[in-house]
Amino acid sequence: MRKINEIVIDCVDPAALSSFWAALLGASRLVRDANWATVAADPVTIAFQRVPEGKQSPKNRLHLDVEDVDLAGATRHAIALGARQLGEPITDATGGMVVMADVEGNEFCLVTD
């Protein structure tokens, strides 16, 4: 049987980006060295690996959805950590979402059901 071991995000500064994600998720992090850091984002590990180039495209091919029962509170918390809000919240009878960017410009969504 195969399973996803971790999700790896290329970045310029693994320590700083893992610090942002650990604080956002309330998770522990491990900085192995200047090139690699991880966040224990149960049930999956998010890894951050240093690459020489910055983000090349404004649009991600893959993004993370972070669930929270309080969308407005989660948005304020993410912004306080250095995230940017990229769009207005969208809500309907089934829940809501808001598109954000982390401290290196990687898109993610805050969602609520």
PDB file of N, CA and C in Angstrom:
ATOM      1  N   MET A   1       0.832  -1.179   0.000  1.00  0.00           N
ATOM      2  CA  MET A   1       0.000   0.000   0.000  1.00  0.00           C
ATOM      3  C   MET A   1       0.880   1.248   0.000  1.00  0.00           C
ATOM      4  N   ARG A   2       0.501   2.212  -0.778  1.00  0.00           N
ATOM      5  CA  ARG A   2       1.233   3.464  -0.821  1.00  0.00           C
ATOM      6  C   ARG A   2       0.387   4.557  -0.187  1.00  0.00           C
ATOM      7  N   LYS A   3       1.066   5.524   0.419  1.00  0.00           N
ATOM      8  CA  LYS A   3       0.376   6.658   1.012  1.00  0.00           C
ATOM      9  C   LYS A   3       1.235   7.897   0.848  1.00  0.00           C
ATOM     10  N   ILE A   4       0.624   9.043   0.936  1.00  0.00           N
ATOM     11  CA  ILE A   4       1.378  10.288   0.863  1.00  0.00           C
ATOM     12  C   ILE A   4       2.167  10.435   2.149  1.00  0.00           C
ATOM     13  N   ASN A   5       3.466  10.611   2.017  1.00  0.00           N
ATOM     14  CA  ASN A   5       4.344  10.761   3.165  1.00  0.00           C
ATOM     15  C   ASN A   5       4.322  12.183   3.692  1.00  0.00           C
ATOM     16  N   GLU A   6       4.418  13.152   2.790  1.00  0.00           N
ATOM     17  CA  GLU A   6       4.368  14.551   3.162  1.00  0.00           C
ATOM     18  C   GLU A   6       4.114  15.395   1.921  1.00  0.00           C
ATOM     19  N   ILE A   7       3.701  16.609   2.122  1.00  0.00           N
ATOM     20  CA  ILE A   7       3.541  17.568   1.041  1.00  0.00           C
ATOM     21  C   ILE A   7       4.738  18.500   1.128  1.00  0.00           C
ATOM     22  N   VAL A   8       5.459  18.678   0.032  1.00  0.00           N
ATOM     23  CA  VAL A   8       6.673  19.490   0.026  1.00  0.00           C
ATOM     24  C   VAL A   8       6.415  20.781  -0.736  1.00  0.00           C
ATOM     25  N   ILE A   9       6.764  21.897  -0.124  1.00  0.00           N
ATOM     26  CA  ILE A   9       6.611  23.212  -0.727  1.00  0.00           C
ATOM     27  C   ILE A   9       7.993  23.800  -0.964  1.00  0.00           C
ATOM     28  N   ASP A  10       8.284  24.143  -2.218  1.00  0.00           N
ATOM     29  CA  ASP A  10       9.532  24.835  -2.531  1.00  0.00           C
ATOM     30  C   ASP A  10       9.432  26.267  -2.016  1.00  0.00           C
ATOM     31  N   CYS A  11      10.540  26.781  -1.488  1.00  0.00           N
ATOM     32  CA  CYS A  11      10.499  28.136  -0.933  1.00  0.00           C
ATOM     33  C   CYS A  11      11.906  28.720  -0.861  1.00  0.00           C
ATOM     34  N   VAL A  12      11.970  29.990  -0.522  1.00  0.00           N
ATOM     35  CA  VAL A  12      13.240  30.686  -0.382  1.00  0.00           C
ATOM     36  C   VAL A  12      13.801  30.517   1.028  1.00  0.00           C
ATOM     37  N   ASP A  13      12.922  30.508   2.040  1.00  0.00           N
ATOM     38  CA  ASP A  13      13.358  30.473   3.436  1.00  0.00           C
ATOM     39  C   ASP A  13      12.531  29.447   4.221  1.00  0.00           C
ATOM     40  N   PRO A  14      12.988  28.185   4.265  1.00  0.00           N
ATOM     41  CA  PRO A  14      12.228  27.140   4.958  1.00  0.00           C
ATOM     42  C   PRO A  14      11.938  27.444   6.429  1.00  0.00           C
ATOM     43  N   ALA A  15      12.882  28.040   7.137  1.00  0.00           N
ATOM     44  CA  ALA A  15      12.656  28.325   8.561  1.00  0.00           C
ATOM     45  C   ALA A  15      11.517  29.326   8.741  1.00  0.00           C
ATOM     46  N   ALA A  16      11.536  30.402   7.965  1.00  0.00           N
ATOM     47  CA  ALA A  16      10.490  31.427   8.099  1.00  0.00           C
ATOM     48  C   ALA A  16       9.137  30.902   7.645  1.00  0.00           C
ATOM     49  N   LEU A  17       9.099  30.182   6.527  1.00  0.00           N
ATOM     50  CA  LEU A  17       7.825  29.690   6.022  1.00  0.00           C
ATOM     51  C   LEU A  17       7.241  28.619   6.944  1.00  0.00           C
ATOM     52  N   SER A  18       8.089  27.755   7.487  1.00  0.00           N
ATOM     53  CA  SER A  18       7.584  26.748   8.425  1.00  0.00           C
ATOM     54  C   SER A  18       7.114  27.397   9.720  1.00  0.00           C
ATOM     55  N   SER A  19       7.733  28.483  10.122  1.00  0.00           N
ATOM     56  CA  SER A  19       7.289  29.214  11.310  1.00  0.00           C
ATOM     57  C   SER A  19       5.883  29.770  11.096  1.00  0.00           C
ATOM     58  N   PHE A  20       5.628  30.352   9.912  1.00  0.00           N
ATOM     59  CA  PHE A  20       4.305  30.868   9.589  1.00  0.00           C
ATOM     60  C   PHE A  20       3.275  29.746   9.659  1.00  0.00           C
ATOM     61  N   TRP A  21       3.534  28.628   8.966  1.00  0.00           N
ATOM     62  CA  TRP A  21       2.554  27.538   8.901  1.00  0.00           C
ATOM     63  C   TRP A  21       2.357  26.862  10.249  1.00  0.00           C
ATOM     64  N   ALA A  22       3.412  26.714  11.049  1.00  0.00           N
ATOM     65  CA  ALA A  22       3.260  26.126  12.386  1.00  0.00           C
ATOM     66  C   ALA A  22       2.378  27.012  13.259  1.00  0.00           C
ATOM     67  N   ALA A  23       2.582  28.326  13.184  1.00  0.00           N
ATOM     68  CA  ALA A  23       1.758  29.242  13.970  1.00  0.00           C
ATOM     69  C   ALA A  23       0.317  29.252  13.475  1.00  0.00           C
ATOM     70  N   LEU A  24       0.119  29.226  12.165  1.00  0.00           N
ATOM     71  CA  LEU A  24      -1.227  29.227  11.607  1.00  0.00           C
ATOM     72  C   LEU A  24      -2.000  27.984  12.033  1.00  0.00           C
ATOM     73  N   LEU A  25      -1.330  26.826  12.010  1.00  0.00           N
ATOM     74  CA  LEU A  25      -1.992  25.558  12.293  1.00  0.00           C
ATOM     75  C   LEU A  25      -1.915  25.143  13.763  1.00  0.00           C
ATOM     76  N   GLY A  26      -1.163  25.880  14.567  1.00  0.00           N
ATOM     77  CA  GLY A  26      -0.981  25.478  15.962  1.00  0.00           C
ATOM     78  C   GLY A  26      -0.252  24.156  16.050  1.00  0.00           C
ATOM     79  N   ALA A  27       0.738  23.970  15.176  1.00  0.00           N
ATOM     80  CA  ALA A  27       1.452  22.692  15.064  1.00  0.00           C
ATOM     81  C   ALA A  27       2.925  22.874  15.409  1.00  0.00           C
ATOM     82  N   SER A  28       3.599  21.765  15.654  1.00  0.00           N
ATOM     83  CA  SER A  28       5.030  21.825  15.934  1.00  0.00           C
ATOM     84  C   SER A  28       5.818  21.821  14.631  1.00  0.00           C
ATOM     85  N   ARG A  29       7.011  22.364  14.680  1.00  0.00           N
ATOM     86  CA  ARG A  29       7.868  22.384  13.494  1.00  0.00           C
ATOM     87  C   ARG A  29       9.254  21.927  13.867  1.00  0.00           C
ATOM     88  N   LEU A  30       9.984  21.506  12.853  1.00  0.00           N
ATOM     89  CA  LEU A  30      11.364  21.076  13.008  1.00  0.00           C
ATOM     90  C   LEU A  30      12.163  21.675  11.868  1.00  0.00           C
ATOM     91  N   VAL A  31      13.181  22.449  12.186  1.00  0.00           N
ATOM     92  CA  VAL A  31      14.084  22.995  11.174  1.00  0.00           C
ATOM     93  C   VAL A  31      15.328  22.123  11.197  1.00  0.00           C
ATOM     94  N   ARG A  32      15.479  21.305  10.148  1.00  0.00           N
ATOM     95  CA  ARG A  32      16.627  20.396  10.091  1.00  0.00           C
ATOM     96  C   ARG A  32      17.900  21.154   9.785  1.00  0.00           C
ATOM     97  N   ASP A  33      17.832  22.050   8.804  1.00  0.00           N
ATOM     98  CA  ASP A  33      18.967  22.894   8.435  1.00  0.00           C
ATOM     99  C   ASP A  33      18.427  24.036   7.585  1.00  0.00           C
ATOM    100  N   ALA A  34      19.302  24.827   6.989  1.00  0.00           N
ATOM    101  CA  ALA A  34      18.864  25.993   6.202  1.00  0.00           C
ATOM    102  C   ALA A  34      18.062  25.600   4.966  1.00  0.00           C
ATOM    103  N   ASN A  35      18.110  24.323   4.576  1.00  0.00           N
ATOM    104  CA  ASN A  35      17.451  23.876   3.354  1.00  0.00           C
ATOM    105  C   ASN A  35      16.163  23.087   3.566  1.00  0.00           C
ATOM    106  N   TRP A  36      15.830  22.739   4.807  1.00  0.00           N
ATOM    107  CA  TRP A  36      14.697  21.830   5.018  1.00  0.00           C
ATOM    108  C   TRP A  36      14.070  22.054   6.388  1.00  0.00           C
ATOM    109  N   ALA A  37      12.753  22.168   6.409  1.00  0.00           N
ATOM    110  CA  ALA A  37      12.007  22.271   7.663  1.00  0.00           C
ATOM    111  C   ALA A  37      10.674  21.560   7.471  1.00  0.00           C
ATOM    112  N   THR A  38      10.083  21.110   8.565  1.00  0.00           N
ATOM    113  CA  THR A  38       8.797  20.423   8.491  1.00  0.00           C
ATOM    114  C   THR A  38       7.844  20.952   9.557  1.00  0.00           C
ATOM    115  N   VAL A  39       6.547  20.793   9.268  1.00  0.00           N
ATOM    116  CA  VAL A  39       5.492  21.112  10.221  1.00  0.00           C
ATOM    117  C   VAL A  39       4.612  19.876  10.351  1.00  0.00           C
ATOM    118  N   ALA A  40       4.388  19.443  11.578  1.00  0.00           N
ATOM    119  CA  ALA A  40       3.555  18.267  11.848  1.00  0.00           C
ATOM    120  C   ALA A  40       2.092  18.690  11.825  1.00  0.00           C
ATOM    121  N   ALA A  41       1.526  18.755  10.631  1.00  0.00           N
ATOM    122  CA  ALA A  41       0.152  19.230  10.428  1.00  0.00           C
ATOM    123  C   ALA A  41      -0.776  18.028  10.338  1.00  0.00           C
ATOM    124  N   ASP A  42      -0.942  17.352  11.451  1.00  0.00           N
ATOM    125  CA  ASP A  42      -1.717  16.122  11.528  1.00  0.00           C
ATOM    126  C   ASP A  42      -2.988  16.211  10.689  1.00  0.00           C
ATOM    127  N   PRO A  43      -3.219  15.298   9.791  1.00  0.00           N
ATOM    128  CA  PRO A  43      -2.632  13.975   9.630  1.00  0.00           C
ATOM    129  C   PRO A  43      -1.491  13.902   8.614  1.00  0.00           C
ATOM    130  N   VAL A  44      -0.995  15.020   8.133  1.00  0.00           N
ATOM    131  CA  VAL A  44       0.064  14.997   7.138  1.00  0.00           C
ATOM    132  C   VAL A  44       1.186  15.939   7.578  1.00  0.00           C
ATOM    133  N   THR A  45       2.376  15.664   7.126  1.00  0.00           N
ATOM    134  CA  THR A  45       3.508  16.554   7.371  1.00  0.00           C
ATOM    135  C   THR A  45       3.674  17.468   6.165  1.00  0.00           C
ATOM    136  N   ILE A  46       3.877  18.755   6.435  1.00  0.00           N
ATOM    137  CA  ILE A  46       4.198  19.705   5.378  1.00  0.00           C
ATOM    138  C   ILE A  46       5.689  19.999   5.490  1.00  0.00           C
ATOM    139  N   ALA A  47       6.401  19.789   4.396  1.00  0.00           N
ATOM    140  CA  ALA A  47       7.840  20.038   4.380  1.00  0.00           C
ATOM    141  C   ALA A  47       8.128  21.261   3.510  1.00  0.00           C
ATOM    142  N   PHE A  48       9.184  21.970   3.856  1.00  0.00           N
ATOM    143  CA  PHE A  48       9.584  23.174   3.138  1.00  0.00           C
ATOM    144  C   PHE A  48      11.034  23.007   2.724  1.00  0.00           C
ATOM    145  N   GLN A  49      11.276  23.071   1.418  1.00  0.00           N
ATOM    146  CA  GLN A  49      12.633  22.868   0.917  1.00  0.00           C
ATOM    147  C   GLN A  49      13.096  24.116   0.180  1.00  0.00           C
ATOM    148  N   ARG A  50      14.323  24.523   0.490  1.00  0.00           N
ATOM    149  CA  ARG A  50      14.903  25.708  -0.141  1.00  0.00           C
ATOM    150  C   ARG A  50      15.202  25.424  -1.608  1.00  0.00           C
ATOM    151  N   VAL A  51      14.806  26.361  -2.454  1.00  0.00           N
ATOM    152  CA  VAL A  51      15.167  26.340  -3.874  1.00  0.00           C
ATOM    153  C   VAL A  51      15.779  27.695  -4.202  1.00  0.00           C
ATOM    154  N   PRO A  52      16.634  27.759  -5.212  1.00  0.00           N
ATOM    155  CA  PRO A  52      17.330  29.021  -5.488  1.00  0.00           C
ATOM    156  C   PRO A  52      16.436  30.113  -6.087  1.00  0.00           C
ATOM    157  N   GLU A  53      15.392  29.719  -6.794  1.00  0.00           N
ATOM    158  CA  GLU A  53      14.545  30.717  -7.444  1.00  0.00           C
ATOM    159  C   GLU A  53      13.303  31.008  -6.606  1.00  0.00           C
ATOM    160  N   GLY A  54      12.780  32.214  -6.755  1.00  0.00           N
ATOM    161  CA  GLY A  54      11.531  32.580  -6.102  1.00  0.00           C
ATOM    162  C   GLY A  54      10.355  32.004  -6.860  1.00  0.00           C
ATOM    163  N   LYS A  55       9.170  32.233  -6.349  1.00  0.00           N
ATOM    164  CA  LYS A  55       7.942  31.760  -6.998  1.00  0.00           C
ATOM    165  C   LYS A  55       7.846  32.389  -8.384  1.00  0.00           C
ATOM    166  N   GLN A  56       7.664  31.562  -9.406  1.00  0.00           N
ATOM    167  CA  GLN A  56       7.696  32.033 -10.786  1.00  0.00           C
ATOM    168  C   GLN A  56       6.339  32.453 -11.334  1.00  0.00           C
ATOM    169  N   SER A  57       5.277  31.890 -10.820  1.00  0.00           N
ATOM    170  CA  SER A  57       3.942  32.156 -11.350  1.00  0.00           C
ATOM    171  C   SER A  57       3.060  32.712 -10.240  1.00  0.00           C
ATOM    172  N   PRO A  58       2.154  33.608 -10.567  1.00  0.00           N
ATOM    173  CA  PRO A  58       1.257  34.104  -9.526  1.00  0.00           C
ATOM    174  C   PRO A  58       0.233  33.060  -9.070  1.00  0.00           C
ATOM    175  N   LYS A  59       0.018  32.011  -9.850  1.00  0.00           N
ATOM    176  CA  LYS A  59      -0.992  31.000  -9.531  1.00  0.00           C
ATOM    177  C   LYS A  59      -0.327  29.684  -9.150  1.00  0.00           C
ATOM    178  N   ASN A  60      -0.760  29.114  -8.019  1.00  0.00           N
ATOM    179  CA  ASN A  60      -0.286  27.790  -7.600  1.00  0.00           C
ATOM    180  C   ASN A  60      -0.954  26.708  -8.432  1.00  0.00           C
ATOM    181  N   ARG A  61      -0.264  25.597  -8.629  1.00  0.00           N
ATOM    182  CA  ARG A  61      -0.876  24.415  -9.244  1.00  0.00           C
ATOM    183  C   ARG A  61      -1.527  23.543  -8.179  1.00  0.00           C
ATOM    184  N   LEU A  62      -1.154  23.730  -6.931  1.00  0.00           N
ATOM    185  CA  LEU A  62      -1.676  22.971  -5.797  1.00  0.00           C
ATOM    186  C   LEU A  62      -1.768  23.946  -4.636  1.00  0.00           C
ATOM    187  N   HIS A  63      -2.821  23.854  -3.837  1.00  0.00           N
ATOM    188  CA  HIS A  63      -2.888  24.704  -2.658  1.00  0.00           C
ATOM    189  C   HIS A  63      -3.503  23.916  -1.500  1.00  0.00           C
ATOM    190  N   LEU A  64      -3.284  24.409  -0.309  1.00  0.00           N
ATOM    191  CA  LEU A  64      -3.817  23.782   0.894  1.00  0.00           C
ATOM    192  C   LEU A  64      -5.099  24.486   1.305  1.00  0.00           C
ATOM    193  N   ASP A  65      -6.082  23.720   1.763  1.00  0.00           N
ATOM    194  CA  ASP A  65      -7.293  24.257   2.380  1.00  0.00           C
ATOM    195  C   ASP A  65      -7.157  24.039   3.881  1.00  0.00           C
ATOM    196  N   VAL A  66      -7.285  25.108   4.649  1.00  0.00           N
ATOM    197  CA  VAL A  66      -7.169  25.048   6.102  1.00  0.00           C
ATOM    198  C   VAL A  66      -8.562  25.300   6.682  1.00  0.00           C
ATOM    199  N   GLU A  67      -9.087  24.306   7.398  1.00  0.00           N
ATOM    200  CA  GLU A  67     -10.439  24.411   7.942  1.00  0.00           C
ATOM    201  C   GLU A  67     -10.432  25.055   9.324  1.00  0.00           C
ATOM    202  N   ASP A  68     -11.404  25.925   9.558  1.00  0.00           N
ATOM    203  CA  ASP A  68     -11.597  26.570  10.856  1.00  0.00           C
ATOM    204  C   ASP A  68     -13.079  26.867  11.000  1.00  0.00           C
ATOM    205  N   VAL A  69     -13.610  26.768  12.198  1.00  0.00           N
ATOM    206  CA  VAL A  69     -15.037  27.041  12.395  1.00  0.00           C
ATOM    207  C   VAL A  69     -15.333  28.535  12.337  1.00  0.00           C
ATOM    208  N   ASP A  70     -14.324  29.371  12.566  1.00  0.00           N
ATOM    209  CA  ASP A  70     -14.495  30.829  12.576  1.00  0.00           C
ATOM    210  C   ASP A  70     -13.684  31.422  11.431  1.00  0.00           C
ATOM    211  N   LEU A  71     -14.312  31.578  10.281  1.00  0.00           N
ATOM    212  CA  LEU A  71     -13.619  32.059   9.086  1.00  0.00           C
ATOM    213  C   LEU A  71     -13.045  33.458   9.279  1.00  0.00           C
ATOM    214  N   ALA A  72     -13.807  34.359   9.860  1.00  0.00           N
ATOM    215  CA  ALA A  72     -13.330  35.728  10.076  1.00  0.00           C
ATOM    216  C   ALA A  72     -12.157  35.753  11.056  1.00  0.00           C
ATOM    217  N   GLY A  73     -12.267  34.977  12.123  1.00  0.00           N
ATOM    218  CA  GLY A  73     -11.180  34.908  13.100  1.00  0.00           C
ATOM    219  C   GLY A  73      -9.924  34.291  12.507  1.00  0.00           C
ATOM    220  N   ALA A  74     -10.093  33.235  11.705  1.00  0.00           N
ATOM    221  CA  ALA A  74      -8.952  32.588  11.064  1.00  0.00           C
ATOM    222  C   ALA A  74      -8.276  33.543  10.082  1.00  0.00           C
ATOM    223  N   THR A  75      -9.082  34.336   9.390  1.00  0.00           N
ATOM    224  CA  THR A  75      -8.531  35.315   8.449  1.00  0.00           C
ATOM    225  C   THR A  75      -7.711  36.367   9.196  1.00  0.00           C
ATOM    226  N   ARG A  76      -8.252  36.887  10.276  1.00  0.00           N
ATOM    227  CA  ARG A  76      -7.510  37.877  11.081  1.00  0.00           C
ATOM    228  C   ARG A  76      -6.213  37.287  11.623  1.00  0.00           C
ATOM    229  N   HIS A  77      -6.273  36.045  12.091  1.00  0.00           N
ATOM    230  CA  HIS A  77      -5.082  35.374  12.632  1.00  0.00           C
ATOM    231  C   HIS A  77      -4.014  35.214  11.550  1.00  0.00           C
ATOM    232  N   ALA A  78      -4.423  34.755  10.364  1.00  0.00           N
ATOM    233  CA  ALA A  78      -3.465  34.568   9.265  1.00  0.00           C
ATOM    234  C   ALA A  78      -2.826  35.892   8.868  1.00  0.00           C
ATOM    235  N   ILE A  79      -3.620  36.947   8.800  1.00  0.00           N
ATOM    236  CA  ILE A  79      -3.087  38.276   8.447  1.00  0.00           C
ATOM    237  C   ILE A  79      -2.101  38.756   9.505  1.00  0.00           C
ATOM    238  N   ALA A  80      -2.415  38.522  10.768  1.00  0.00           N
ATOM    239  CA  ALA A  80      -1.511  38.915  11.854  1.00  0.00           C
ATOM    240  C   ALA A  80      -0.172  38.191  11.753  1.00  0.00           C
ATOM    241  N   LEU A  81      -0.180  36.987  11.161  1.00  0.00           N
ATOM    242  CA  LEU A  81       1.055  36.216  10.995  1.00  0.00           C
ATOM    243  C   LEU A  81       1.821  36.611   9.735  1.00  0.00           C
ATOM    244  N   GLY A  82       1.235  37.483   8.907  1.00  0.00           N
ATOM    245  CA  GLY A  82       1.923  37.942   7.705  1.00  0.00           C
ATOM    246  C   GLY A  82       1.271  37.531   6.398  1.00  0.00           C
ATOM    247  N   ALA A  83       0.151  36.819   6.453  1.00  0.00           N
ATOM    248  CA  ALA A  83      -0.549  36.414   5.225  1.00  0.00           C
ATOM    249  C   ALA A  83      -1.252  37.625   4.611  1.00  0.00           C
ATOM    250  N   ARG A  84      -1.598  37.488   3.329  1.00  0.00           N
ATOM    251  CA  ARG A  84      -2.391  38.502   2.638  1.00  0.00           C
ATOM    252  C   ARG A  84      -3.702  37.875   2.187  1.00  0.00           C
ATOM    253  N   GLN A  85      -4.777  38.631   2.301  1.00  0.00           N
ATOM    254  CA  GLN A  85      -6.063  38.174   1.806  1.00  0.00           C
ATOM    255  C   GLN A  85      -6.146  38.530   0.328  1.00  0.00           C
ATOM    256  N   LEU A  86      -6.419  37.533  -0.537  1.00  0.00           N
ATOM    257  CA  LEU A  86      -6.437  37.747  -1.983  1.00  0.00           C
ATOM    258  C   LEU A  86      -7.824  37.954  -2.547  1.00  0.00           C
ATOM    259  N   GLY A  87      -8.845  37.667  -1.781  1.00  0.00           N
ATOM    260  CA  GLY A  87     -10.203  37.821  -2.281  1.00  0.00           C
ATOM    261  C   GLY A  87     -11.171  38.005  -1.134  1.00  0.00           C
ATOM    262  N   GLU A  88     -12.357  38.404  -1.486  1.00  0.00           N
ATOM    263  CA  GLU A  88     -13.407  38.554  -0.485  1.00  0.00           C
ATOM    264  C   GLU A  88     -13.915  37.169  -0.074  1.00  0.00           C
ATOM    265  N   PRO A  89     -14.349  37.023   1.183  1.00  0.00           N
ATOM    266  CA  PRO A  89     -14.923  35.743   1.604  1.00  0.00           C
ATOM    267  C   PRO A  89     -16.137  35.385   0.760  1.00  0.00           C
ATOM    268  N   ILE A  90     -16.267  34.103   0.468  1.00  0.00           N
ATOM    269  CA  ILE A  90     -17.417  33.578  -0.255  1.00  0.00           C
ATOM    270  C   ILE A  90     -18.133  32.637   0.696  1.00  0.00           C
ATOM    271  N   THR A  91     -19.412  32.895   0.952  1.00  0.00           N
ATOM    272  CA  THR A  91     -20.178  32.039   1.850  1.00  0.00           C
ATOM    273  C   THR A  91     -21.505  31.677   1.208  1.00  0.00           C
ATOM    274  N   ASP A  92     -21.982  30.485   1.562  1.00  0.00           N
ATOM    275  CA  ASP A  92     -23.314  30.049   1.153  1.00  0.00           C
ATOM    276  C   ASP A  92     -23.848  29.113   2.223  1.00  0.00           C
ATOM    277  N   ALA A  93     -24.899  28.416   1.946  1.00  0.00           N
ATOM    278  CA  ALA A  93     -25.541  27.555   2.940  1.00  0.00           C
ATOM    279  C   ALA A  93     -24.651  26.402   3.402  1.00  0.00           C
ATOM    280  N   THR A  94     -23.650  26.037   2.606  1.00  0.00           N
ATOM    281  CA  THR A  94     -22.800  24.900   2.962  1.00  0.00           C
ATOM    282  C   THR A  94     -21.519  25.306   3.675  1.00  0.00           C
ATOM    283  N   GLY A  95     -21.192  26.583   3.723  1.00  0.00           N
ATOM    284  CA  GLY A  95     -19.970  27.021   4.390  1.00  0.00           C
ATOM    285  C   GLY A  95     -19.382  28.243   3.731  1.00  0.00           C
ATOM    286  N   GLY A  96     -18.091  28.396   3.876  1.00  0.00           N
ATOM    287  CA  GLY A  96     -17.439  29.564   3.307  1.00  0.00           C
ATOM    288  C   GLY A  96     -15.968  29.331   3.062  1.00  0.00           C
ATOM    289  N   MET A  97     -15.360  30.281   2.349  1.00  0.00           N
ATOM    290  CA  MET A  97     -13.928  30.211   2.069  1.00  0.00           C
ATOM    291  C   MET A  97     -13.393  31.591   1.748  1.00  0.00           C
ATOM    292  N   VAL A  98     -12.110  31.770   1.966  1.00  0.00           N
ATOM    293  CA  VAL A  98     -11.416  32.990   1.564  1.00  0.00           C
ATOM    294  C   VAL A  98     -10.031  32.584   1.068  1.00  0.00           C
ATOM    295  N   VAL A  99      -9.608  33.154  -0.051  1.00  0.00           N
ATOM    296  CA  VAL A  99      -8.305  32.854  -0.640  1.00  0.00           C
ATOM    297  C   VAL A  99      -7.267  33.769  -0.008  1.00  0.00           C
ATOM    298  N   MET A 100      -6.167  33.165   0.422  1.00  0.00           N
ATOM    299  CA  MET A 100      -5.094  33.879   1.100  1.00  0.00           C
ATOM    300  C   MET A 100      -3.763  33.571   0.409  1.00  0.00           C
ATOM    301  N   ALA A 101      -2.708  34.302   0.795  1.00  0.00           N
ATOM    302  CA  ALA A 101      -1.343  33.999   0.372  1.00  0.00           C
ATOM    303  C   ALA A 101      -0.461  34.022   1.612  1.00  0.00           C
ATOM    304  N   ASP A 102       0.426  33.035   1.727  1.00  0.00           N
ATOM    305  CA  ASP A 102       1.323  32.998   2.879  1.00  0.00           C
ATOM    306  C   ASP A 102       2.439  34.029   2.705  1.00  0.00           C
ATOM    307  N   VAL A 103       3.413  34.004   3.584  1.00  0.00           N
ATOM    308  CA  VAL A 103       4.464  35.027   3.592  1.00  0.00           C
ATOM    309  C   VAL A 103       5.375  34.989   2.376  1.00  0.00           C
ATOM    310  N   GLU A 104       5.353  33.902   1.589  1.00  0.00           N
ATOM    311  CA  GLU A 104       6.120  33.839   0.340  1.00  0.00           C
ATOM    312  C   GLU A 104       5.217  33.919  -0.883  1.00  0.00           C
ATOM    313  N   GLY A 105       3.937  34.192  -0.683  1.00  0.00           N
ATOM    314  CA  GLY A 105       3.021  34.353  -1.797  1.00  0.00           C
ATOM    315  C   GLY A 105       2.327  33.085  -2.262  1.00  0.00           C
ATOM    316  N   ASN A 106       2.501  31.976  -1.542  1.00  0.00           N
ATOM    317  CA  ASN A 106       1.822  30.726  -1.892  1.00  0.00           C
ATOM    318  C   ASN A 106       0.365  30.819  -1.495  1.00  0.00           C
ATOM    319  N   GLU A 107      -0.535  30.521  -2.435  1.00  0.00           N
ATOM    320  CA  GLU A 107      -1.960  30.593  -2.147  1.00  0.00           C
ATOM    321  C   GLU A 107      -2.418  29.433  -1.269  1.00  0.00           C
ATOM    322  N   PHE A 108      -3.373  29.742  -0.398  1.00  0.00           N
ATOM    323  CA  PHE A 108      -4.081  28.718   0.372  1.00  0.00           C
ATOM    324  C   PHE A 108      -5.470  29.265   0.651  1.00  0.00           C
ATOM    325  N   CYS A 109      -6.381  28.393   1.031  1.00  0.00           N
ATOM    326  CA  CYS A 109      -7.733  28.821   1.350  1.00  0.00           C
ATOM    327  C   CYS A 109      -8.052  28.520   2.793  1.00  0.00           C
ATOM    328  N   LEU A 110      -8.710  29.443   3.444  1.00  0.00           N
ATOM    329  CA  LEU A 110      -9.310  29.186   4.745  1.00  0.00           C
ATOM    330  C   LEU A 110     -10.745  28.798   4.450  1.00  0.00           C
ATOM    331  N   VAL A 111     -11.198  27.682   5.014  1.00  0.00           N
ATOM    332  CA  VAL A 111     -12.528  27.173   4.701  1.00  0.00           C
ATOM    333  C   VAL A 111     -13.275  26.831   5.983  1.00  0.00           C
ATOM    334  N   THR A 112     -14.599  26.874   5.884  1.00  0.00           N
ATOM    335  CA  THR A 112     -15.456  26.432   6.966  1.00  0.00           C
ATOM    336  C   THR A 112     -16.626  25.688   6.342  1.00  0.00           C
ATOM    337  N   ASP A 113     -17.080  24.650   7.021  1.00  0.00           N
ATOM    338  CA  ASP A 113     -18.237  23.874   6.532  1.00  0.00           C
ATOM    339  C   ASP A 113     -19.459  24.228   7.341  1.00  0.00           C
TER     340      ASP A 113
END
